[in-house]
Amino acid sequence: MKAHEAAQLYFNRAADLMDLSDNMRRLLSIPKREVQVQIPVELDNGEIATFVGYRVQHDDARGPMKGGLRYHPAVDLDEIRALASLMTWKTAVVNIPYGGAKGGIAIDPRKHSVREMELITRKFVDQIHDLIGPDTDIPAPDMGTGAQEMAWFLNQYEKYHGYSPACVTGKPVELHGAEGREEATGRGVGILAFKLMSRLGRKPANTRVALQGFGNVGSYCAAFLAEADFKIVALSDLSGAYFRPDGIDVSAALRHARHNRGSLEGFSGTEKLTNAELLELDVELLIPAALGGVITAENAPRIKAPIIIEAANAPTTPDADALLHDRGAVILPDILANAGGVTVSYFEWAQNRQHYNWGLSRVRQELDKALSDGFERVWDMSNQRKVSLRTAAYFIGIGRVGRATVLGGIR
């Protein structure tokens, strides 16, 4: 099942229960705009390479569109279209005044020099700068991008439009970025894990955690959970999974990765597993924080964790979601679980517009409040309507976007 088809299936499940009209479904499903651009560049060796970039702007009924910029060889229009729709519901669930968008370039950044990646980023901005902006569509980091790419993006955009720090978020702190933005998604997953476990009557010290992915999101999430007394028994990255039944020293894992170009390869004192095997470990909490589509109908029957928190975007296919739900598993969906990043991106955008910087403590305090409010509303909706947390989150997101669309009017 393709990414957009899966996202639409989740949307339709909630829309069916809401008795949403066919006209409103169509209006909320079809993206406002889809752009595909060609990015030709001269590589360091003198060869000419051509890359394809995308920007999908899904919905702006509740405010400027917001969404990350992904650099990955598997990027295509279908994936970007799906992720843009998820951003629409995500921003609505945590009630920040944005719509949804997403962008990406089909490229493997590991195979290119820093000079090449800067040139590619700037040429991408050249192609889309007139379609984005602080009041229109605000990009941010995603898989394969970070603060450096956002700095290049800002600089190139300002060549066309002048001083405009709010045109993109996730920037370096030294270049109008926000304190706490880098940690926001992972920290948000940790905050919500603590709240979900509390609601389910489980104590952190008695909760074994398997965390797939040790990039930006996974590493900050692991650090937060370890500090909150959760027992992290498995971590993984591209090099494989690392398992220790008595618990992994997360601080040691972070140090190892920091001194090993971000990789856990060679991390000692653990049993080496595959990423697929990590998903099937006997733990209380499973957190997929890497790629989408890793929990499928094929492996769902072997997944033992009774609780899953989706730190990655769309890690669970609809078929697997149905199987796990029928078995009684509790799944905190991606459109709430990983909303910490876009929430602090909103704080960064607000600071840029006000030309006033917040301190880290305020950012963390406001993040906790926004995610807590979103979680409580989803939890209450789930109990009131007797539906899964995912369906409850879609109820809230679709309801807010739908009301804004109707109130704004269609001309």
Protein backbone atom coordinates (compact mmCIF):
# COMPACT_ATOMS: atom_id res chain seq x y z
CA MET A 1 0.00 0.00 0.00
CA LYS A 2 1.42 3.39 -0.99
CA ALA A 3 1.97 6.09 1.62
CA HIS A 4 -0.82 8.40 0.49
CA GLU A 5 -3.28 5.53 0.20
CA ALA A 6 -2.52 4.54 3.80
CA ALA A 7 -2.91 8.12 5.07
CA GLN A 8 -6.21 8.41 3.23
CA LEU A 9 -7.44 5.16 4.72
CA TYR A 10 -6.91 6.50 8.25
CA PHE A 11 -8.69 9.71 7.24
CA ASN A 12 -11.64 7.77 5.82
CA ARG A 13 -11.98 5.58 8.91
CA ALA A 14 -12.51 8.66 11.05
CA ALA A 15 -14.61 10.44 8.40
CA ASP A 16 -16.98 7.44 8.24
CA LEU A 17 -17.63 7.62 11.98
CA MET A 18 -18.08 11.40 11.75
CA ASP A 19 -20.59 11.08 8.87
CA LEU A 20 -18.51 13.56 6.89
CA SER A 21 -20.12 14.43 3.57
CA ASP A 22 -18.52 13.36 0.30
CA ASN A 23 -18.01 16.99 -0.70
CA MET A 24 -16.20 17.84 2.55
CA ARG A 25 -14.07 14.69 2.32
CA ARG A 26 -12.97 15.67 -1.16
CA LEU A 27 -12.29 19.25 -0.12
CA LEU A 28 -10.15 18.18 2.86
CA SER A 29 -8.35 15.39 1.01
CA ILE A 30 -7.11 17.05 -2.17
CA PRO A 31 -3.97 19.16 -1.71
CA LYS A 32 -4.17 22.87 -2.41
CA ARG A 33 -1.04 22.74 -4.59
CA GLU A 34 1.60 20.21 -5.70
CA VAL A 35 4.91 21.31 -7.18
CA GLN A 36 7.62 19.17 -8.78
CA VAL A 37 10.85 20.83 -9.87
CA GLN A 38 14.05 19.90 -11.64
CA ILE A 39 17.35 20.67 -9.87
CA PRO A 40 20.37 20.43 -12.19
CA VAL A 41 23.80 20.87 -10.56
CA GLU A 42 27.45 20.49 -11.45
CA LEU A 43 29.04 17.99 -9.06
CA ASP A 44 32.55 18.26 -7.66
CA ASN A 45 33.85 15.89 -10.33
CA GLY A 46 32.48 18.08 -13.12
CA GLU A 47 29.53 15.84 -13.99
CA ILE A 48 26.03 17.29 -14.36
CA ALA A 49 23.43 15.62 -12.15
CA THR A 50 19.70 16.28 -12.07
CA PHE A 51 17.59 15.81 -8.95
CA VAL A 52 13.83 16.06 -8.48
CA GLY A 53 12.35 18.19 -5.71
CA TYR A 54 8.80 18.39 -4.42
CA ARG A 55 6.63 20.71 -2.33
CA VAL A 56 3.05 19.74 -1.56
CA GLN A 57 0.84 22.35 0.14
CA HIS A 58 -2.11 20.47 1.55
CA ASP A 59 -4.37 22.90 3.45
CA ASP A 60 -4.26 26.47 4.74
CA ALA A 61 -7.72 26.85 6.32
CA ARG A 62 -6.23 27.34 9.80
CA GLY A 63 -3.14 29.36 8.90
CA PRO A 64 0.13 29.27 6.92
CA MET A 65 1.13 25.81 5.80
CA LYS A 66 3.92 24.08 7.71
CA GLY A 67 6.03 21.05 6.98
CA GLY A 68 9.53 19.64 6.81
CA LEU A 69 11.99 19.29 3.96
CA ARG A 70 13.16 15.69 3.54
CA TYR A 71 16.36 14.55 1.74
CA HIS A 72 16.19 10.81 1.09
CA PRO A 73 16.60 8.60 -2.01
CA ALA A 74 13.08 7.15 -1.55
CA VAL A 75 11.35 10.54 -1.68
CA ASP A 76 8.60 10.71 -4.28
CA LEU A 77 5.42 12.70 -4.83
CA ASP A 78 3.19 10.05 -3.23
CA GLU A 79 5.18 10.07 0.01
CA ILE A 80 5.33 13.87 0.18
CA ARG A 81 1.60 14.10 -0.53
CA ALA A 82 0.87 11.71 2.36
CA LEU A 83 3.16 13.53 4.78
CA ALA A 84 1.65 16.90 3.87
CA SER A 85 -1.81 15.65 4.81
CA LEU A 86 -0.49 14.27 8.10
CA MET A 87 0.90 17.74 8.88
CA THR A 88 -2.56 19.25 8.41
CA TRP A 89 -4.06 16.94 11.03
CA LYS A 90 -1.00 17.15 13.30
CA THR A 91 -1.06 20.94 13.60
CA ALA A 92 -4.80 20.82 14.22
CA VAL A 93 -4.54 18.14 16.94
CA VAL A 94 -2.13 20.26 19.00
CA ASN A 95 -4.12 23.38 18.05
CA ILE A 96 -1.41 25.56 16.57
CA PRO A 97 -2.50 28.00 13.83
CA TYR A 98 -1.00 26.24 10.84
CA GLY A 99 -2.03 24.11 7.92
CA GLY A 100 -0.02 21.25 6.44
CA ALA A 101 2.72 20.99 3.82
CA LYS A 102 5.77 18.86 3.09
CA GLY A 103 8.73 18.94 0.76
CA GLY A 104 11.67 16.83 -0.27
CA ILE A 105 14.39 16.00 -2.73
CA ALA A 106 15.10 12.47 -3.96
CA ILE A 107 18.76 12.31 -2.95
CA ASP A 108 21.11 10.47 -0.60
CA PRO A 109 22.99 13.24 1.28
CA ARG A 110 25.66 10.76 2.41
CA LYS A 111 26.86 10.43 -1.18
CA HIS A 112 27.46 14.14 -1.71
CA SER A 113 29.88 16.74 -0.41
CA VAL A 114 28.86 19.67 1.75
CA ARG A 115 29.40 21.99 -1.23
CA GLU A 116 27.11 19.89 -3.41
CA MET A 117 24.37 19.76 -0.76
CA GLU A 118 24.53 23.53 -0.29
CA LEU A 119 24.24 24.10 -4.03
CA ILE A 120 21.32 21.67 -4.32
CA THR A 121 19.50 23.32 -1.42
CA ARG A 122 19.98 26.81 -2.85
CA LYS A 123 18.81 25.73 -6.32
CA PHE A 124 15.72 24.17 -4.76
CA VAL A 125 14.95 27.50 -3.08
CA ASP A 126 15.41 29.23 -6.45
CA GLN A 127 12.62 27.05 -7.83
CA ILE A 128 10.05 27.45 -5.03
CA HIS A 129 10.80 30.77 -3.26
CA ASP A 130 7.77 32.51 -4.75
CA LEU A 131 5.45 29.80 -3.36
CA ILE A 132 6.61 29.91 0.26
CA GLY A 133 7.07 32.53 2.95
CA PRO A 134 6.31 33.46 6.59
CA ASP A 135 2.60 33.93 5.91
CA THR A 136 2.23 31.22 3.26
CA ASP A 137 4.30 28.07 3.77
CA ILE A 138 7.15 27.63 6.25
CA PRO A 139 9.57 24.70 5.70
CA ALA A 140 11.56 23.01 8.48
CA PRO A 141 14.05 20.15 8.95
CA ASP A 142 13.05 16.54 8.37
CA MET A 143 14.82 13.30 7.58
CA GLY A 144 18.21 14.04 6.05
CA THR A 145 18.15 17.76 6.84
CA GLY A 146 18.95 19.89 9.85
CA ALA A 147 19.93 23.33 11.05
CA GLN A 148 22.64 23.77 8.40
CA GLU A 149 20.25 23.14 5.49
CA MET A 150 17.77 25.57 7.03
CA ALA A 151 20.51 28.21 7.27
CA TRP A 152 21.27 27.81 3.56
CA PHE A 153 17.55 27.90 2.82
CA LEU A 154 17.09 31.15 4.79
CA ASN A 155 20.07 32.83 3.17
CA GLN A 156 18.93 31.97 -0.35
CA TYR A 157 15.34 33.01 0.32
CA GLU A 158 16.46 36.38 1.69
CA LYS A 159 18.34 37.09 -1.55
CA TYR A 160 14.90 37.35 -3.18
CA HIS A 161 12.76 38.72 -0.35
CA GLY A 162 15.05 40.55 2.08
CA TYR A 163 15.33 39.99 5.81
CA SER A 164 12.82 37.28 6.65
CA PRO A 165 13.92 34.91 9.46
CA ALA A 166 10.39 33.50 9.86
CA CYS A 167 10.41 31.99 6.33
CA VAL A 168 11.84 28.72 7.71
CA THR A 169 12.23 27.11 11.14
CA GLY A 170 14.74 24.72 12.67
CA LYS A 171 17.53 27.21 12.03
CA PRO A 172 20.75 27.38 14.08
CA VAL A 173 20.22 29.30 17.33
CA GLU A 174 22.89 31.75 16.17
CA LEU A 175 20.80 32.50 13.07
CA HIS A 176 17.39 33.28 14.61
CA GLY A 177 16.68 29.68 15.64
CA ALA A 178 14.88 28.68 18.83
CA GLU A 179 16.39 27.17 21.94
CA GLY A 180 15.06 23.63 22.29
CA ARG A 181 14.08 23.12 18.64
CA GLU A 182 16.62 20.37 17.99
CA GLU A 183 15.42 18.30 20.94
CA ALA A 184 11.73 19.09 20.51
CA THR A 185 10.41 16.04 18.64
CA GLY A 186 12.26 13.49 20.77
CA ARG A 187 11.51 15.34 23.99
CA GLY A 188 7.85 15.54 22.98
CA VAL A 189 7.72 11.77 22.48
CA GLY A 190 9.18 11.36 25.96
CA ILE A 191 6.66 13.75 27.51
CA LEU A 192 3.77 11.90 25.90
CA ALA A 193 5.18 8.49 26.86
CA PHE A 194 5.22 9.57 30.49
CA LYS A 195 1.62 10.82 30.28
CA LEU A 196 0.35 7.74 28.46
CA MET A 197 1.99 5.36 30.94
CA SER A 198 0.50 7.32 33.80
CA ARG A 199 -2.98 7.01 32.28
CA LEU A 200 -2.46 3.26 31.83
CA GLY A 201 -1.29 2.82 35.42
CA ARG A 202 2.26 1.82 34.50
CA LYS A 203 5.38 3.06 36.28
CA PRO A 204 8.46 4.07 34.27
CA ALA A 205 10.81 1.90 36.36
CA ASN A 206 8.76 -1.17 35.42
CA THR A 207 8.55 -0.27 31.73
CA ARG A 208 11.03 -1.85 29.32
CA VAL A 209 11.45 0.15 26.12
CA ALA A 210 12.64 -0.87 22.65
CA LEU A 211 13.42 2.18 20.52
CA GLN A 212 14.00 1.77 16.79
CA GLY A 213 16.04 4.68 15.46
CA PHE A 214 18.80 6.67 17.13
CA GLY A 215 18.92 9.78 15.01
CA ASN A 216 17.75 13.19 16.17
CA VAL A 217 14.35 12.01 17.40
CA GLY A 218 15.42 8.67 18.85
CA SER A 219 18.48 9.94 20.67
CA TYR A 220 16.70 12.82 22.42
CA CYS A 221 13.76 10.56 23.22
CA ALA A 222 16.05 7.91 24.72
CA ALA A 223 17.84 10.51 26.86
CA PHE A 224 14.53 11.90 28.15
CA LEU A 225 13.11 8.45 28.95
CA ALA A 226 16.29 7.31 30.70
CA GLU A 227 16.24 10.44 32.84
CA ALA A 228 12.56 9.70 33.68
CA ASP A 229 13.61 6.20 34.92
CA PHE A 230 12.32 4.12 31.98
CA LYS A 231 14.44 1.03 31.24
CA ILE A 232 15.75 1.24 27.68
CA VAL A 233 16.63 -2.34 26.68
CA ALA A 234 17.11 -1.90 22.93
CA LEU A 235 18.29 0.83 20.56
CA SER A 236 18.98 0.75 16.84
CA ASP A 237 20.20 2.66 13.82
CA LEU A 238 21.26 1.78 10.28
CA SER A 239 24.04 -0.46 11.64
CA GLY A 240 21.55 -2.73 13.44
CA ALA A 241 19.91 -3.11 16.85
CA TYR A 242 21.62 -3.34 20.24
CA PHE A 243 19.89 -5.26 23.04
CA ARG A 244 20.63 -5.57 26.76
CA PRO A 245 17.87 -7.12 28.91
CA ASP A 246 19.08 -5.39 32.08
CA GLY A 247 18.98 -1.98 30.41
CA ILE A 248 21.29 0.05 28.20
CA ASP A 249 23.37 2.91 29.52
CA VAL A 250 21.90 5.60 27.27
CA SER A 251 24.60 8.12 28.20
CA ALA A 252 27.24 5.63 27.03
CA ALA A 253 25.32 5.03 23.81
CA LEU A 254 25.13 8.77 23.15
CA ARG A 255 28.87 9.16 23.76
CA HIS A 256 29.63 6.22 21.48
CA ALA A 257 27.51 7.63 18.66
CA ARG A 258 28.99 11.11 19.11
CA HIS A 259 32.52 9.74 18.67
CA ASN A 260 31.54 7.37 15.85
CA ARG A 261 30.02 9.76 13.29
CA GLY A 262 26.57 9.32 14.76
CA SER A 263 26.58 5.52 14.48
CA LEU A 264 26.05 2.86 17.16
CA GLU A 265 28.23 0.43 15.18
CA GLY A 266 30.51 -1.42 17.62
CA PHE A 267 28.58 -0.43 20.75
CA SER A 268 29.81 -2.92 23.35
CA GLY A 269 28.07 -4.74 26.18
CA THR A 270 24.99 -5.52 24.10
CA GLU A 271 23.63 -8.30 21.92
CA LYS A 272 23.49 -7.43 18.21
CA LEU A 273 20.06 -7.87 16.59
CA THR A 274 18.42 -6.70 13.38
CA ASN A 275 16.04 -3.75 13.27
CA ALA A 276 13.24 -6.20 12.44
CA GLU A 277 14.04 -8.31 15.51
CA LEU A 278 13.93 -5.22 17.74
CA LEU A 279 10.30 -4.66 16.80
CA GLU A 280 9.38 -8.11 18.09
CA LEU A 281 11.11 -7.96 21.49
CA ASP A 282 9.18 -8.75 24.66
CA VAL A 283 8.88 -5.22 26.07
CA GLU A 284 6.13 -3.04 27.48
CA LEU A 285 6.73 -0.08 25.17
CA LEU A 286 7.82 -0.04 21.53
CA ILE A 287 8.82 3.25 19.91
CA PRO A 288 9.45 3.19 16.14
CA ALA A 289 11.43 6.38 15.51
CA ALA A 290 12.95 5.73 12.10
CA LEU A 291 11.28 5.08 8.75
CA GLY A 292 7.60 4.70 7.94
CA GLY A 293 5.89 1.40 7.15
CA VAL A 294 7.99 -0.79 9.47
CA ILE A 295 5.03 -2.36 11.32
CA THR A 296 3.05 -4.37 8.78
CA ALA A 297 0.37 -7.04 8.63
CA GLU A 298 3.19 -9.56 8.22
CA ASN A 299 5.07 -8.77 11.44
CA ALA A 300 2.21 -7.36 13.57
CA PRO A 301 1.22 -10.81 14.94
CA ARG A 302 4.76 -11.21 16.32
CA ILE A 303 4.91 -7.79 18.00
CA LYS A 304 4.62 -8.37 21.74
CA ALA A 305 4.63 -4.80 23.05
CA PRO A 306 1.18 -3.84 24.38
CA ILE A 307 1.94 -0.14 23.90
CA ILE A 308 3.36 1.57 20.80
CA ILE A 309 4.24 5.24 20.43
CA GLU A 310 4.77 6.37 16.84
CA ALA A 311 7.75 8.71 16.92
CA ALA A 312 8.26 8.19 13.16
CA ASN A 313 5.81 9.33 10.51
CA ALA A 314 3.41 6.55 9.45
CA PRO A 315 5.40 3.62 10.89
CA THR A 316 2.28 1.41 11.11
CA THR A 317 0.33 0.32 8.04
CA PRO A 318 -3.48 0.39 8.28
CA ASP A 319 -3.73 -3.42 8.13
CA ALA A 320 -1.24 -3.76 10.98
CA ASP A 321 -3.00 -1.02 12.93
CA ALA A 322 -6.29 -2.95 12.72
CA LEU A 323 -4.63 -6.20 13.82
CA LEU A 324 -2.92 -4.57 16.79
CA HIS A 325 -6.08 -2.70 17.81
CA ASP A 326 -8.12 -5.91 17.74
CA ARG A 327 -5.50 -7.52 19.97
CA GLY A 328 -5.88 -4.71 22.51
CA ALA A 329 -2.62 -2.87 21.85
CA VAL A 330 -2.59 0.85 22.66
CA ILE A 331 -1.06 2.98 19.89
CA LEU A 332 -0.32 6.67 20.32
CA PRO A 333 -0.50 7.91 16.70
CA ASP A 334 2.17 9.89 14.88
CA ILE A 335 -0.05 12.95 14.38
CA LEU A 336 0.14 13.49 18.14
CA ALA A 337 3.22 11.54 19.25
CA ASN A 338 5.78 13.41 17.14
CA ALA A 339 4.07 16.82 17.16
CA GLY A 340 6.74 18.30 19.46
CA GLY A 341 8.85 19.37 16.49
CA VAL A 342 6.17 21.39 14.71
CA THR A 343 5.04 22.85 18.04
CA VAL A 344 8.47 24.31 18.81
CA SER A 345 8.78 25.34 15.15
CA TYR A 346 5.66 27.42 15.79
CA PHE A 347 7.37 28.94 18.85
CA GLU A 348 10.41 29.77 16.69
CA TRP A 349 8.22 31.36 14.02
CA ALA A 350 6.38 33.41 16.67
CA GLN A 351 9.68 34.61 18.14
CA ASN A 352 10.95 35.58 14.68
CA ARG A 353 7.78 37.55 13.96
CA GLN A 354 8.00 39.33 17.33
CA HIS A 355 11.80 39.82 17.16
CA TYR A 356 11.92 38.56 20.73
CA ASN A 357 13.72 35.42 21.93
CA TRP A 358 12.45 33.02 24.59
CA GLY A 359 14.68 31.09 26.97
CA LEU A 360 14.96 27.30 26.95
CA SER A 361 12.90 26.92 30.12
CA ARG A 362 9.98 28.79 28.56
CA VAL A 363 10.16 26.75 25.37
CA ARG A 364 10.08 23.51 27.36
CA GLN A 365 7.25 24.76 29.56
CA GLU A 366 5.13 25.82 26.57
CA LEU A 367 5.88 22.54 24.77
CA ASP A 368 4.74 20.51 27.75
CA LYS A 369 1.53 22.52 27.98
CA ALA A 370 0.70 22.23 24.26
CA LEU A 371 1.32 18.48 24.12
CA SER A 372 -0.46 17.87 27.42
CA ASP A 373 -3.55 19.73 26.21
CA GLY A 374 -3.50 17.78 22.94
CA PHE A 375 -3.07 14.45 24.72
CA GLU A 376 -5.89 15.08 27.18
CA ARG A 377 -8.31 16.01 24.40
CA VAL A 378 -7.41 12.91 22.39
CA TRP A 379 -7.62 10.67 25.46
CA ASP A 380 -11.03 12.08 26.41
CA MET A 381 -12.34 11.77 22.84
CA SER A 382 -11.15 8.16 22.68
CA ASN A 383 -13.03 7.29 25.86
CA GLN A 384 -16.17 9.24 24.95
CA ARG A 385 -16.51 7.77 21.46
CA LYS A 386 -15.05 4.34 22.31
CA VAL A 387 -12.51 4.56 19.50
CA SER A 388 -8.74 4.15 19.25
CA LEU A 389 -6.41 7.02 20.08
CA ARG A 390 -5.60 7.31 16.37
CA THR A 391 -9.23 7.68 15.35
CA ALA A 392 -9.80 10.13 18.21
CA ALA A 393 -6.86 12.25 17.03
CA TYR A 394 -8.27 12.29 13.49
CA PHE A 395 -11.69 13.25 14.87
CA ILE A 396 -10.16 16.31 16.51
CA GLY A 397 -7.92 17.24 13.57
CA ILE A 398 -10.57 16.80 10.88
CA GLY A 399 -13.15 18.60 13.02
CA ARG A 400 -10.97 21.66 13.54
CA VAL A 401 -9.90 21.91 9.90
CA GLY A 402 -13.44 21.29 8.68
CA ARG A 403 -14.91 24.00 10.91
CA ALA A 404 -12.26 26.49 9.84
CA THR A 405 -12.99 25.68 6.19
CA VAL A 406 -16.73 26.21 6.60
CA LEU A 407 -16.35 29.37 8.68
CA GLY A 408 -13.90 30.88 6.19
CA GLY A 409 -16.25 30.15 3.31
CA ILE A 410 -15.54 28.88 -0.18
CA ARG A 411 -15.49 31.40 -2.99
